[in-house]
Amino acid sequence: MKKYLLSTAAVAMVALAAPASAADLAARPYTKAPAYVAPATPIYNWTGFYIGGHIGGGFPGEDNVLAGSRDGTFMGGVQGGYDMQFAPNWVLGLEANYSFLSTNSNIDNRGLGSVTGRLGYTWGPTLLYAKGGYAWADTRFSNGFGGDGGRDGYTVGGGLEYLFTQNWSGKIEYQYYDFGTVNFIAPGGVGSFKNDQHTIKAGLNYRFNLGNLGGGFVQ
């Protein structure tokens, strides 16, 4: 009987001690689920300096006889400039451009240069722009052609440019050059014609990403 009482008392003590031990255990900490973060959307930025190259073709205007030839000439060259994006989808820029041309026997248009301003509207990685400004032609004359050929002139044009990556963009551009009137001496007297060119070119630009001054896009 004594053993039975001792056993019963021991069981009762264990039963009473179990809830107390459970109460002494630390509560399970609550961990808050991490907040949802939406995938980053690229923010395109056209502000910054750039340099690049281009290839294309030049074609004389309707009143530019070019010794009777209407054939186009191959052109290739370089460009560089600076763009500033504002307001927030407009881009204002300044660009210098020079294109080397294949030559003509009588009117040797060796090259076309320009310094232009440009204004464009951008949506995402695409920029549609117009440009215009000063133009210069490296023109040499022979076989009776006189004057300076209107080497100083003006240019207008426009194009479409696209940002492929943070530092690279490609463009397609039309540009018209007007260098005035060229005088010539012929057996029948003195004449003149217009010295102008239409050009179409494709170009590739490298855009410098220098902190807040860099072009391209960030995430």
N, C-alpha and C. Protein backbone atom coordinates (compact mmCIF):
# COMPACT_ATOMS: atom_id res chain seq x y z
N MET A 1 0.83 -1.21 0.00
CA MET A 1 0.00 0.00 0.00
C MET A 1 0.86 1.25 0.00
N LYS A 2 1.94 1.19 0.73
CA LYS A 2 2.84 2.33 0.79
C LYS A 2 3.45 2.61 -0.56
N LYS A 3 3.86 1.53 -1.27
CA LYS A 3 4.44 1.71 -2.60
C LYS A 3 3.41 2.30 -3.57
N TYR A 4 2.18 1.89 -3.44
CA TYR A 4 1.13 2.38 -4.32
C TYR A 4 0.91 3.87 -4.10
N LEU A 5 0.89 4.31 -2.87
CA LEU A 5 0.70 5.72 -2.56
C LEU A 5 1.85 6.57 -3.09
N LEU A 6 3.09 6.03 -2.92
CA LEU A 6 4.24 6.79 -3.41
C LEU A 6 4.19 6.94 -4.93
N SER A 7 3.80 5.85 -5.61
CA SER A 7 3.72 5.89 -7.09
C SER A 7 2.68 6.89 -7.54
N THR A 8 1.53 6.90 -6.87
CA THR A 8 0.45 7.82 -7.23
C THR A 8 0.89 9.26 -7.02
N ALA A 9 1.59 9.53 -5.94
CA ALA A 9 2.07 10.89 -5.65
C ALA A 9 3.07 11.34 -6.70
N ALA A 10 3.95 10.41 -7.12
CA ALA A 10 4.96 10.78 -8.14
C ALA A 10 4.30 11.14 -9.45
N VAL A 11 3.29 10.36 -9.88
CA VAL A 11 2.58 10.63 -11.14
C VAL A 11 1.89 11.98 -11.07
N ALA A 12 1.27 12.27 -9.91
CA ALA A 12 0.57 13.53 -9.74
C ALA A 12 1.53 14.70 -9.82
N MET A 13 2.71 14.59 -9.27
CA MET A 13 3.69 15.67 -9.30
C MET A 13 4.18 15.92 -10.72
N VAL A 14 4.38 14.83 -11.48
CA VAL A 14 4.81 14.99 -12.88
C VAL A 14 3.74 15.68 -13.68
N ALA A 15 2.48 15.31 -13.47
CA ALA A 15 1.37 15.92 -14.20
C ALA A 15 1.24 17.39 -13.89
N LEU A 16 1.48 17.78 -12.64
CA LEU A 16 1.39 19.20 -12.27
C LEU A 16 2.57 20.00 -12.81
N ALA A 17 3.74 19.36 -12.90
CA ALA A 17 4.94 20.07 -13.34
C ALA A 17 4.96 20.34 -14.84
N ALA A 18 4.28 19.45 -15.63
CA ALA A 18 4.31 19.58 -17.10
C ALA A 18 3.75 20.91 -17.59
N PRO A 19 2.56 21.38 -17.15
CA PRO A 19 2.05 22.68 -17.62
C PRO A 19 2.96 23.83 -17.24
N ALA A 20 3.54 23.75 -16.04
CA ALA A 20 4.44 24.83 -15.62
C ALA A 20 5.65 24.92 -16.52
N SER A 21 6.22 23.73 -16.89
CA SER A 21 7.38 23.75 -17.78
C SER A 21 7.01 24.31 -19.14
N ALA A 22 5.80 23.96 -19.66
CA ALA A 22 5.38 24.48 -20.96
C ALA A 22 5.20 25.99 -20.91
N ALA A 23 4.71 26.50 -19.78
CA ALA A 23 4.51 27.95 -19.64
C ALA A 23 5.82 28.68 -19.60
N ASP A 24 6.87 28.00 -19.06
CA ASP A 24 8.18 28.65 -18.98
C ASP A 24 8.86 28.78 -20.33
N LEU A 25 8.44 27.98 -21.34
CA LEU A 25 9.08 28.05 -22.65
C LEU A 25 8.78 29.39 -23.31
N ALA A 26 9.77 29.96 -24.04
CA ALA A 26 9.58 31.25 -24.73
C ALA A 26 8.56 31.09 -25.84
N ALA A 27 7.76 32.11 -26.05
CA ALA A 27 6.78 32.08 -27.14
C ALA A 27 7.49 32.09 -28.48
N ARG A 28 6.92 31.41 -29.46
CA ARG A 28 7.52 31.34 -30.81
C ARG A 28 7.48 32.71 -31.47
N PRO A 29 8.62 33.22 -31.88
CA PRO A 29 8.64 34.58 -32.46
C PRO A 29 7.85 34.63 -33.76
N TYR A 30 7.22 35.80 -34.05
CA TYR A 30 6.43 36.01 -35.27
C TYR A 30 7.31 36.72 -36.30
N THR A 31 7.41 36.11 -37.44
CA THR A 31 8.22 36.70 -38.51
C THR A 31 7.29 37.24 -39.60
N LYS A 32 7.41 38.56 -39.87
CA LYS A 32 6.57 39.21 -40.88
C LYS A 32 7.07 38.85 -42.27
N ALA A 33 6.16 38.55 -43.17
CA ALA A 33 6.54 38.23 -44.56
C ALA A 33 7.15 39.46 -45.22
N PRO A 34 8.19 39.28 -46.04
CA PRO A 34 8.81 40.43 -46.71
C PRO A 34 7.81 41.14 -47.63
N ALA A 35 7.95 42.46 -47.71
CA ALA A 35 7.06 43.25 -48.56
C ALA A 35 7.32 42.96 -50.03
N TYR A 36 6.29 42.98 -50.84
CA TYR A 36 6.41 42.73 -52.28
C TYR A 36 7.06 43.92 -52.96
N VAL A 37 8.05 43.63 -53.75
CA VAL A 37 8.74 44.66 -54.51
C VAL A 37 8.53 44.38 -55.99
N ALA A 38 7.93 45.32 -56.67
CA ALA A 38 7.66 45.14 -58.09
C ALA A 38 8.96 45.15 -58.88
N PRO A 39 9.04 44.42 -59.98
CA PRO A 39 10.25 44.44 -60.81
C PRO A 39 10.58 45.86 -61.26
N ALA A 40 11.88 46.16 -61.29
CA ALA A 40 12.31 47.50 -61.67
C ALA A 40 11.95 47.80 -63.12
N THR A 41 11.44 49.00 -63.36
CA THR A 41 11.12 49.44 -64.71
C THR A 41 12.24 50.34 -65.22
N PRO A 42 12.79 50.08 -66.40
CA PRO A 42 13.87 50.92 -66.90
C PRO A 42 13.45 52.38 -67.02
N ILE A 43 14.30 53.29 -66.59
CA ILE A 43 14.08 54.73 -66.75
C ILE A 43 15.12 55.22 -67.75
N TYR A 44 14.65 55.62 -68.92
CA TYR A 44 15.56 55.99 -69.99
C TYR A 44 15.98 57.45 -69.85
N ASN A 45 17.26 57.68 -70.06
CA ASN A 45 17.83 59.01 -69.88
C ASN A 45 18.72 59.34 -71.06
N TRP A 46 18.37 60.38 -71.81
CA TRP A 46 19.12 60.77 -72.99
C TRP A 46 20.18 61.82 -72.69
N THR A 47 20.26 62.32 -71.47
CA THR A 47 21.21 63.38 -71.14
C THR A 47 22.64 62.84 -71.14
N GLY A 48 23.54 63.53 -71.86
CA GLY A 48 24.94 63.15 -71.86
C GLY A 48 25.63 63.36 -73.19
N PHE A 49 26.94 63.17 -73.19
CA PHE A 49 27.76 63.28 -74.39
C PHE A 49 27.75 61.96 -75.16
N TYR A 50 28.00 62.04 -76.47
CA TYR A 50 28.08 60.84 -77.30
C TYR A 50 28.99 61.08 -78.50
N ILE A 51 29.54 60.00 -79.03
CA ILE A 51 30.30 60.02 -80.28
C ILE A 51 29.85 58.80 -81.09
N GLY A 52 30.05 58.86 -82.41
CA GLY A 52 29.64 57.73 -83.22
C GLY A 52 30.05 57.87 -84.67
N GLY A 53 29.56 56.95 -85.48
CA GLY A 53 29.87 56.93 -86.91
C GLY A 53 28.62 56.62 -87.72
N HIS A 54 28.70 56.84 -89.03
CA HIS A 54 27.55 56.60 -89.89
C HIS A 54 27.98 56.25 -91.30
N ILE A 55 27.08 55.62 -92.05
CA ILE A 55 27.24 55.36 -93.48
C ILE A 55 25.92 55.65 -94.15
N GLY A 56 25.98 55.93 -95.46
CA GLY A 56 24.74 56.21 -96.18
C GLY A 56 25.03 56.64 -97.60
N GLY A 57 24.15 57.48 -98.14
CA GLY A 57 24.29 57.95 -99.51
C GLY A 57 23.87 59.39 -99.64
N GLY A 58 24.48 60.10 -100.65
CA GLY A 58 24.14 61.47 -100.97
C GLY A 58 23.59 61.56 -102.38
N PHE A 59 22.58 62.42 -102.57
CA PHE A 59 21.92 62.53 -103.87
C PHE A 59 21.74 64.00 -104.22
N PRO A 60 22.09 64.41 -105.45
CA PRO A 60 21.94 65.81 -105.83
C PRO A 60 20.47 66.22 -105.91
N GLY A 61 20.21 67.52 -105.64
CA GLY A 61 18.86 68.03 -105.75
C GLY A 61 18.41 68.14 -107.21
N GLU A 62 17.13 68.47 -107.40
CA GLU A 62 16.56 68.53 -108.74
C GLU A 62 17.24 69.57 -109.62
N ASP A 63 17.70 70.68 -109.03
CA ASP A 63 18.34 71.75 -109.80
C ASP A 63 19.86 71.67 -109.78
N ASN A 64 20.40 70.61 -109.21
CA ASN A 64 21.84 70.42 -109.14
C ASN A 64 22.25 69.49 -110.28
N VAL A 65 22.78 70.05 -111.38
CA VAL A 65 23.06 69.25 -112.56
C VAL A 65 24.22 68.28 -112.35
N LEU A 66 25.22 68.65 -111.54
CA LEU A 66 26.37 67.79 -111.27
C LEU A 66 26.88 67.12 -112.55
N ALA A 67 27.11 67.99 -113.57
CA ALA A 67 27.62 67.50 -114.86
C ALA A 67 26.70 66.47 -115.49
N GLY A 68 25.38 66.58 -115.24
CA GLY A 68 24.41 65.69 -115.85
C GLY A 68 24.17 64.40 -115.10
N SER A 69 24.84 64.19 -113.98
CA SER A 69 24.70 62.93 -113.25
C SER A 69 23.67 63.05 -112.14
N ARG A 70 22.77 62.06 -112.05
CA ARG A 70 21.80 61.99 -110.97
C ARG A 70 22.10 60.82 -110.03
N ASP A 71 23.24 60.20 -110.23
CA ASP A 71 23.58 59.03 -109.42
C ASP A 71 23.91 59.45 -107.99
N GLY A 72 23.59 58.57 -107.05
CA GLY A 72 23.95 58.82 -105.68
C GLY A 72 25.42 58.50 -105.43
N THR A 73 25.96 59.04 -104.35
CA THR A 73 27.35 58.79 -103.97
C THR A 73 27.39 58.21 -102.56
N PHE A 74 28.33 57.32 -102.34
CA PHE A 74 28.49 56.71 -101.02
C PHE A 74 29.05 57.74 -100.05
N MET A 75 28.59 57.67 -98.81
CA MET A 75 29.12 58.57 -97.78
C MET A 75 29.33 57.80 -96.49
N GLY A 76 30.29 58.26 -95.72
CA GLY A 76 30.58 57.69 -94.41
C GLY A 76 31.28 58.72 -93.57
N GLY A 77 31.04 58.73 -92.28
CA GLY A 77 31.66 59.76 -91.46
C GLY A 77 31.46 59.55 -89.99
N VAL A 78 31.62 60.64 -89.25
CA VAL A 78 31.58 60.61 -87.79
C VAL A 78 30.69 61.74 -87.29
N GLN A 79 30.22 61.57 -86.04
CA GLN A 79 29.44 62.61 -85.39
C GLN A 79 29.67 62.57 -83.89
N GLY A 80 29.36 63.68 -83.25
CA GLY A 80 29.48 63.75 -81.80
C GLY A 80 28.64 64.90 -81.29
N GLY A 81 28.20 64.81 -80.05
CA GLY A 81 27.36 65.89 -79.53
C GLY A 81 26.98 65.69 -78.09
N TYR A 82 26.00 66.49 -77.68
CA TYR A 82 25.50 66.45 -76.30
C TYR A 82 23.99 66.62 -76.34
N ASP A 83 23.28 65.80 -75.55
CA ASP A 83 21.83 65.89 -75.41
C ASP A 83 21.46 66.19 -73.97
N MET A 84 20.34 66.91 -73.81
CA MET A 84 19.81 67.19 -72.47
C MET A 84 18.31 66.90 -72.49
N GLN A 85 17.87 65.99 -71.62
CA GLN A 85 16.45 65.63 -71.54
C GLN A 85 15.77 66.49 -70.49
N PHE A 86 14.55 66.98 -70.81
CA PHE A 86 13.84 67.85 -69.88
C PHE A 86 12.33 67.66 -70.07
N ALA A 87 11.57 68.08 -69.12
CA ALA A 87 10.13 68.35 -69.13
C ALA A 87 9.08 67.28 -69.35
N PRO A 88 9.17 66.00 -69.08
CA PRO A 88 10.39 65.19 -69.00
C PRO A 88 10.68 64.42 -70.28
N ASN A 89 9.84 64.59 -71.31
CA ASN A 89 9.97 63.76 -72.52
C ASN A 89 10.61 64.49 -73.70
N TRP A 90 11.12 65.68 -73.49
CA TRP A 90 11.75 66.43 -74.58
C TRP A 90 13.27 66.36 -74.45
N VAL A 91 13.93 66.35 -75.60
CA VAL A 91 15.39 66.28 -75.64
C VAL A 91 15.92 67.41 -76.53
N LEU A 92 16.82 68.21 -75.99
CA LEU A 92 17.46 69.30 -76.72
C LEU A 92 18.93 68.98 -76.85
N GLY A 93 19.49 69.11 -78.06
CA GLY A 93 20.89 68.72 -78.26
C GLY A 93 21.63 69.59 -79.24
N LEU A 94 22.94 69.39 -79.28
CA LEU A 94 23.84 70.05 -80.22
C LEU A 94 24.76 68.99 -80.79
N GLU A 95 24.91 68.96 -82.13
CA GLU A 95 25.69 67.90 -82.77
C GLU A 95 26.59 68.46 -83.86
N ALA A 96 27.83 67.95 -83.93
CA ALA A 96 28.75 68.22 -85.04
C ALA A 96 28.87 66.94 -85.86
N ASN A 97 28.88 67.10 -87.20
CA ASN A 97 28.84 65.94 -88.09
C ASN A 97 29.74 66.20 -89.30
N TYR A 98 30.48 65.17 -89.73
CA TYR A 98 31.24 65.28 -90.98
C TYR A 98 31.12 63.96 -91.75
N SER A 99 30.81 64.09 -93.06
CA SER A 99 30.64 62.93 -93.92
C SER A 99 31.59 63.03 -95.11
N PHE A 100 32.36 61.98 -95.34
CA PHE A 100 33.21 61.88 -96.52
C PHE A 100 32.38 61.34 -97.68
N LEU A 101 32.56 61.93 -98.88
CA LEU A 101 31.79 61.53 -100.05
C LEU A 101 32.71 61.00 -101.14
N SER A 102 32.20 60.04 -101.92
CA SER A 102 32.90 59.69 -103.16
C SER A 102 32.79 60.89 -104.11
N THR A 103 33.71 61.02 -105.08
CA THR A 103 33.86 62.27 -105.82
C THR A 103 33.27 62.21 -107.22
N ASN A 104 33.07 63.41 -107.79
CA ASN A 104 32.62 63.59 -109.17
C ASN A 104 33.73 64.29 -109.94
N SER A 105 33.89 63.97 -111.24
CA SER A 105 35.04 64.48 -112.00
C SER A 105 35.03 65.99 -112.15
N ASN A 106 33.86 66.61 -112.31
CA ASN A 106 33.79 68.05 -112.52
C ASN A 106 33.47 68.82 -111.24
N ILE A 107 32.59 68.29 -110.42
CA ILE A 107 32.26 68.92 -109.16
C ILE A 107 32.65 67.94 -108.07
N ASP A 108 33.76 68.23 -107.45
CA ASP A 108 34.35 67.30 -106.50
C ASP A 108 33.85 67.62 -105.10
N ASN A 109 32.69 67.08 -104.72
CA ASN A 109 32.18 67.23 -103.36
C ASN A 109 32.85 66.18 -102.49
N ARG A 110 33.90 66.57 -101.82
CA ARG A 110 34.68 65.62 -101.04
C ARG A 110 34.09 65.35 -99.66
N GLY A 111 33.34 66.29 -99.15
CA GLY A 111 32.80 66.09 -97.82
C GLY A 111 31.74 67.10 -97.47
N LEU A 112 30.89 66.74 -96.51
CA LEU A 112 29.85 67.61 -96.00
C LEU A 112 29.97 67.67 -94.48
N GLY A 113 29.97 68.89 -93.97
CA GLY A 113 30.04 69.06 -92.52
C GLY A 113 28.88 69.91 -92.03
N SER A 114 28.55 69.75 -90.75
CA SER A 114 27.47 70.55 -90.18
C SER A 114 27.62 70.67 -88.68
N VAL A 115 27.08 71.76 -88.15
CA VAL A 115 26.90 71.95 -86.71
C VAL A 115 25.45 72.34 -86.52
N THR A 116 24.69 71.50 -85.87
CA THR A 116 23.24 71.68 -85.80
C THR A 116 22.72 71.56 -84.38
N GLY A 117 21.63 72.22 -84.14
CA GLY A 117 20.84 71.95 -82.95
C GLY A 117 19.79 70.92 -83.30
N ARG A 118 19.30 70.21 -82.29
CA ARG A 118 18.23 69.27 -82.55
C ARG A 118 17.26 69.25 -81.37
N LEU A 119 15.99 69.02 -81.71
CA LEU A 119 14.94 68.96 -80.70
C LEU A 119 14.13 67.72 -80.97
N GLY A 120 13.93 66.92 -79.94
CA GLY A 120 13.22 65.66 -80.12
C GLY A 120 12.26 65.35 -79.00
N TYR A 121 11.38 64.39 -79.27
CA TYR A 121 10.43 63.90 -78.27
C TYR A 121 10.71 62.41 -78.07
N THR A 122 10.80 62.00 -76.82
CA THR A 122 11.15 60.61 -76.51
C THR A 122 10.03 59.93 -75.75
N TRP A 123 9.82 58.66 -76.06
CA TRP A 123 8.96 57.78 -75.26
C TRP A 123 9.73 56.48 -75.08
N GLY A 124 10.11 56.22 -73.83
CA GLY A 124 10.93 55.04 -73.55
C GLY A 124 12.28 55.15 -74.24
N PRO A 125 12.68 54.11 -74.97
CA PRO A 125 14.00 54.11 -75.59
C PRO A 125 14.02 54.78 -76.97
N THR A 126 12.90 55.34 -77.43
CA THR A 126 12.81 55.88 -78.79
C THR A 126 12.80 57.40 -78.77
N LEU A 127 13.55 58.00 -79.70
CA LEU A 127 13.62 59.46 -79.82
C LEU A 127 13.35 59.85 -81.27
N LEU A 128 12.33 60.69 -81.48
CA LEU A 128 12.02 61.25 -82.79
C LEU A 128 12.44 62.72 -82.75
N TYR A 129 13.26 63.16 -83.73
CA TYR A 129 13.84 64.50 -83.62
C TYR A 129 13.91 65.20 -84.98
N ALA A 130 14.01 66.53 -84.89
CA ALA A 130 14.29 67.39 -86.04
C ALA A 130 15.57 68.14 -85.75
N LYS A 131 16.31 68.54 -86.80
CA LYS A 131 17.59 69.23 -86.61
C LYS A 131 17.78 70.28 -87.69
N GLY A 132 18.66 71.22 -87.42
CA GLY A 132 18.96 72.25 -88.41
C GLY A 132 20.08 73.14 -87.93
N GLY A 133 20.81 73.76 -88.91
CA GLY A 133 21.89 74.66 -88.54
C GLY A 133 22.85 74.93 -89.68
N TYR A 134 24.09 75.20 -89.32
CA TYR A 134 25.14 75.58 -90.27
C TYR A 134 25.69 74.36 -90.99
N ALA A 135 26.00 74.53 -92.29
CA ALA A 135 26.60 73.44 -93.09
C ALA A 135 27.77 73.98 -93.89
N TRP A 136 28.70 73.08 -94.19
CA TRP A 136 29.89 73.43 -94.96
C TRP A 136 30.22 72.28 -95.91
N ALA A 137 30.61 72.64 -97.16
CA ALA A 137 30.96 71.63 -98.16
C ALA A 137 32.40 71.80 -98.58
N ASP A 138 33.13 70.70 -98.60
CA ASP A 138 34.49 70.70 -99.15
C ASP A 138 34.34 70.40 -100.64
N THR A 139 34.13 71.47 -101.43
CA THR A 139 33.82 71.33 -102.86
C THR A 139 34.96 71.89 -103.70
N ARG A 140 35.41 71.12 -104.69
CA ARG A 140 36.45 71.55 -105.63
C ARG A 140 35.84 71.56 -107.03
N PHE A 141 36.17 72.60 -107.83
CA PHE A 141 35.60 72.72 -109.17
C PHE A 141 36.70 72.70 -110.23
N SER A 142 36.33 72.26 -111.43
CA SER A 142 37.24 72.26 -112.58
C SER A 142 36.41 72.34 -113.85
N ASN A 143 37.09 72.41 -115.01
CA ASN A 143 36.42 72.41 -116.32
C ASN A 143 35.40 73.54 -116.47
N GLY A 144 35.83 74.75 -116.10
CA GLY A 144 34.98 75.91 -116.35
C GLY A 144 34.09 76.33 -115.21
N PHE A 145 34.02 75.56 -114.12
CA PHE A 145 33.18 75.96 -113.00
C PHE A 145 33.92 76.98 -112.16
N GLY A 146 33.23 78.04 -111.76
CA GLY A 146 33.88 79.11 -111.02
C GLY A 146 33.22 79.35 -109.68
N GLY A 147 33.79 80.28 -108.94
CA GLY A 147 33.26 80.64 -107.64
C GLY A 147 33.64 79.63 -106.58
N ASP A 148 33.18 79.92 -105.37
CA ASP A 148 33.52 79.02 -104.27
C ASP A 148 32.49 77.92 -104.09
N GLY A 149 31.47 77.90 -104.96
CA GLY A 149 30.49 76.81 -104.91
C GLY A 149 29.51 76.92 -103.77
N GLY A 150 29.45 78.09 -103.12
CA GLY A 150 28.57 78.20 -101.98
C GLY A 150 28.92 77.23 -100.88
N ARG A 151 30.18 77.18 -100.51
CA ARG A 151 30.62 76.19 -99.52
C ARG A 151 29.94 76.35 -98.18
N ASP A 152 29.69 77.57 -97.77
CA ASP A 152 28.92 77.79 -96.55
C ASP A 152 27.43 77.74 -96.87
N GLY A 153 26.68 77.08 -96.04
CA GLY A 153 25.26 76.96 -96.30
C GLY A 153 24.50 76.57 -95.05
N TYR A 154 23.36 75.95 -95.26
CA TYR A 154 22.54 75.52 -94.14
C TYR A 154 22.07 74.08 -94.37
N THR A 155 21.60 73.47 -93.31
CA THR A 155 21.10 72.10 -93.38
C THR A 155 19.90 71.94 -92.47
N VAL A 156 18.95 71.12 -92.89
CA VAL A 156 17.80 70.75 -92.07
C VAL A 156 17.57 69.25 -92.24
N GLY A 157 16.94 68.65 -91.27
CA GLY A 157 16.68 67.21 -91.38
C GLY A 157 15.97 66.68 -90.16
N GLY A 158 15.98 65.37 -90.04
CA GLY A 158 15.34 64.73 -88.91
C GLY A 158 15.64 63.24 -88.91
N GLY A 159 15.25 62.58 -87.84
CA GLY A 159 15.55 61.16 -87.76
C GLY A 159 14.88 60.48 -86.58
N LEU A 160 15.20 59.21 -86.44
CA LEU A 160 14.69 58.37 -85.37
C LEU A 160 15.87 57.65 -84.73
N GLU A 161 15.98 57.75 -83.40
CA GLU A 161 17.09 57.12 -82.68
C GLU A 161 16.54 56.21 -81.59
N TYR A 162 17.24 55.11 -81.34
CA TYR A 162 16.76 54.10 -80.39
C TYR A 162 17.91 53.65 -79.48
N LEU A 163 17.64 53.60 -78.16
CA LEU A 163 18.61 53.13 -77.17
C LEU A 163 18.54 51.61 -77.06
N PHE A 164 19.63 50.94 -77.49
CA PHE A 164 19.69 49.49 -77.36
C PHE A 164 20.10 49.07 -75.96
N THR A 165 21.07 49.78 -75.40
CA THR A 165 21.57 49.49 -74.06
C THR A 165 21.84 50.81 -73.37
N GLN A 166 22.42 50.73 -72.17
CA GLN A 166 22.73 51.93 -71.41
C GLN A 166 23.67 52.85 -72.17
N ASN A 167 24.56 52.31 -73.00
CA ASN A 167 25.57 53.13 -73.65
C ASN A 167 25.49 53.18 -75.17
N TRP A 168 24.63 52.38 -75.81
CA TRP A 168 24.62 52.32 -77.27
C TRP A 168 23.25 52.68 -77.83
N SER A 169 23.27 53.49 -78.89
CA SER A 169 22.04 53.83 -79.59
C SER A 169 22.30 53.81 -81.10
N GLY A 170 21.25 53.53 -81.86
CA GLY A 170 21.34 53.53 -83.31
C GLY A 170 20.32 54.51 -83.89
N LYS A 171 20.60 55.05 -85.07
CA LYS A 171 19.70 56.03 -85.66
C LYS A 171 19.62 55.89 -87.17
N ILE A 172 18.50 56.36 -87.72
CA ILE A 172 18.31 56.54 -89.15
C ILE A 172 17.96 58.00 -89.35
N GLU A 173 18.64 58.67 -90.30
CA GLU A 173 18.51 60.13 -90.40
C GLU A 173 18.50 60.60 -91.85
N TYR A 174 17.64 61.59 -92.11
CA TYR A 174 17.63 62.32 -93.38
C TYR A 174 18.17 63.73 -93.13
N GLN A 175 19.00 64.22 -94.06
CA GLN A 175 19.54 65.57 -93.91
C GLN A 175 19.69 66.22 -95.29
N TYR A 176 19.20 67.44 -95.40
CA TYR A 176 19.29 68.21 -96.64
C TYR A 176 20.32 69.33 -96.46
N TYR A 177 21.22 69.49 -97.47
CA TYR A 177 22.25 70.52 -97.44
C TYR A 177 22.03 71.46 -98.63
N ASP A 178 22.11 72.77 -98.36
CA ASP A 178 21.99 73.79 -99.41
C ASP A 178 23.20 74.72 -99.34
N PHE A 179 23.97 74.78 -100.46
CA PHE A 179 25.19 75.59 -100.49
C PHE A 179 25.11 76.71 -101.54
N GLY A 180 23.92 77.10 -101.91
CA GLY A 180 23.76 78.24 -102.80
C GLY A 180 23.93 77.88 -104.26
N THR A 181 24.39 78.87 -105.04
CA THR A 181 24.47 78.76 -106.50
C THR A 181 25.91 78.69 -106.97
N VAL A 182 26.15 77.84 -107.96
CA VAL A 182 27.47 77.71 -108.58
C VAL A 182 27.41 78.32 -109.99
N ASN A 183 28.35 79.19 -110.31
CA ASN A 183 28.45 79.79 -111.65
C ASN A 183 29.40 78.97 -112.51
N PHE A 184 29.11 78.91 -113.80
CA PHE A 184 30.02 78.21 -114.70
C PHE A 184 30.08 78.96 -116.04
N ILE A 185 31.19 78.73 -116.76
CA ILE A 185 31.44 79.35 -118.06
C ILE A 185 31.35 78.27 -119.12
N ALA A 186 30.49 78.49 -120.11
CA ALA A 186 30.28 77.55 -121.20
C ALA A 186 30.50 78.28 -122.53
N PRO A 187 30.64 77.54 -123.63
CA PRO A 187 30.81 78.18 -124.95
C PRO A 187 29.71 79.18 -125.27
N GLY A 188 28.51 78.93 -124.78
CA GLY A 188 27.41 79.83 -125.07
C GLY A 188 27.26 80.97 -124.10
N GLY A 189 28.08 81.03 -123.09
CA GLY A 189 27.99 82.12 -122.12
C GLY A 189 28.18 81.63 -120.70
N VAL A 190 27.59 82.37 -119.77
CA VAL A 190 27.72 82.08 -118.34
C VAL A 190 26.41 81.53 -117.83
N GLY A 191 26.48 80.50 -116.99
CA GLY A 191 25.29 79.91 -116.40
C GLY A 191 25.48 79.63 -114.94
N SER A 192 24.50 79.05 -114.33
CA SER A 192 24.59 78.72 -112.90
C SER A 192 23.65 77.56 -112.60
N PHE A 193 23.91 76.91 -111.49
CA PHE A 193 23.02 75.86 -110.99
C PHE A 193 23.14 75.79 -109.48
N LYS A 194 22.21 75.12 -108.87
CA LYS A 194 22.15 75.03 -107.40
C LYS A 194 23.05 73.90 -106.91
N ASN A 195 23.79 74.15 -105.86
CA ASN A 195 24.64 73.14 -105.25
C ASN A 195 23.98 72.67 -103.95
N ASP A 196 23.25 71.56 -104.02
CA ASP A 196 22.57 71.03 -102.84
C ASP A 196 22.62 69.51 -102.85
N GLN A 197 22.38 68.95 -101.70
CA GLN A 197 22.47 67.50 -101.53
C GLN A 197 21.39 67.00 -100.58
N HIS A 198 20.82 65.85 -100.91
CA HIS A 198 19.96 65.10 -99.99
C HIS A 198 20.77 63.90 -99.50
N THR A 199 20.72 63.62 -98.22
CA THR A 199 21.47 62.49 -97.67
C THR A 199 20.58 61.62 -96.79
N ILE A 200 20.83 60.34 -96.83
CA ILE A 200 20.17 59.37 -95.95
C ILE A 200 21.27 58.51 -95.34
N LYS A 201 21.24 58.36 -94.02
CA LYS A 201 22.33 57.62 -93.36
C LYS A 201 21.82 56.85 -92.16
N ALA A 202 22.55 55.81 -91.82
CA ALA A 202 22.33 55.02 -90.61
C ALA A 202 23.56 55.17 -89.73
N GLY A 203 23.35 55.39 -88.45
CA GLY A 203 24.47 55.65 -87.56
C GLY A 203 24.39 54.88 -86.26
N LEU A 204 25.53 54.80 -85.57
CA LEU A 204 25.65 54.14 -84.28
C LEU A 204 26.39 55.07 -83.34
N ASN A 205 25.83 55.31 -82.14
CA ASN A 205 26.43 56.21 -81.17
C ASN A 205 26.81 55.47 -79.89
N TYR A 206 27.93 55.87 -79.32
CA TYR A 206 28.31 55.43 -77.97
C TYR A 206 28.02 56.59 -77.02
N ARG A 207 27.22 56.34 -76.00
CA ARG A 207 26.81 57.38 -75.06
C ARG A 207 27.53 57.18 -73.72
N PHE A 208 28.18 58.23 -73.26
CA PHE A 208 28.97 58.15 -72.03
C PHE A 208 28.04 58.24 -70.82
N ASN A 209 28.13 57.27 -69.94
CA ASN A 209 27.30 57.21 -68.74
C ASN A 209 28.16 57.67 -67.56
N LEU A 210 28.18 58.98 -67.32
CA LEU A 210 29.04 59.55 -66.28
C LEU A 210 28.15 60.09 -65.14
N GLY A 211 27.64 59.17 -64.32
CA GLY A 211 26.78 59.59 -63.22
C GLY A 211 25.52 60.24 -63.75
N ASN A 212 25.19 61.40 -63.17
CA ASN A 212 23.99 62.11 -63.60
C ASN A 212 24.13 62.71 -64.97
N LEU A 213 25.35 62.78 -65.49
CA LEU A 213 25.55 63.33 -66.82
C LEU A 213 25.45 62.27 -67.90
N GLY A 214 25.31 61.00 -67.50
CA GLY A 214 25.35 59.92 -68.48
C GLY A 214 24.05 59.74 -69.22
N GLY A 215 24.16 59.20 -70.43
CA GLY A 215 22.97 58.84 -71.17
C GLY A 215 22.63 57.38 -70.93
N GLY A 216 21.61 56.89 -71.59
CA GLY A 216 21.24 55.50 -71.50
C GLY A 216 20.06 55.27 -70.60
N PHE A 217 20.00 54.12 -69.91
CA PHE A 217 18.90 53.85 -69.00
C PHE A 217 19.40 53.19 -67.75
N VAL A 218 18.68 53.36 -66.67
CA VAL A 218 19.04 52.76 -65.38
C VAL A 218 17.83 52.00 -64.88
N GLN A 219 18.07 51.09 -63.96
CA GLN A 219 16.98 50.31 -63.36
C GLN A 219 16.95 50.57 -61.87
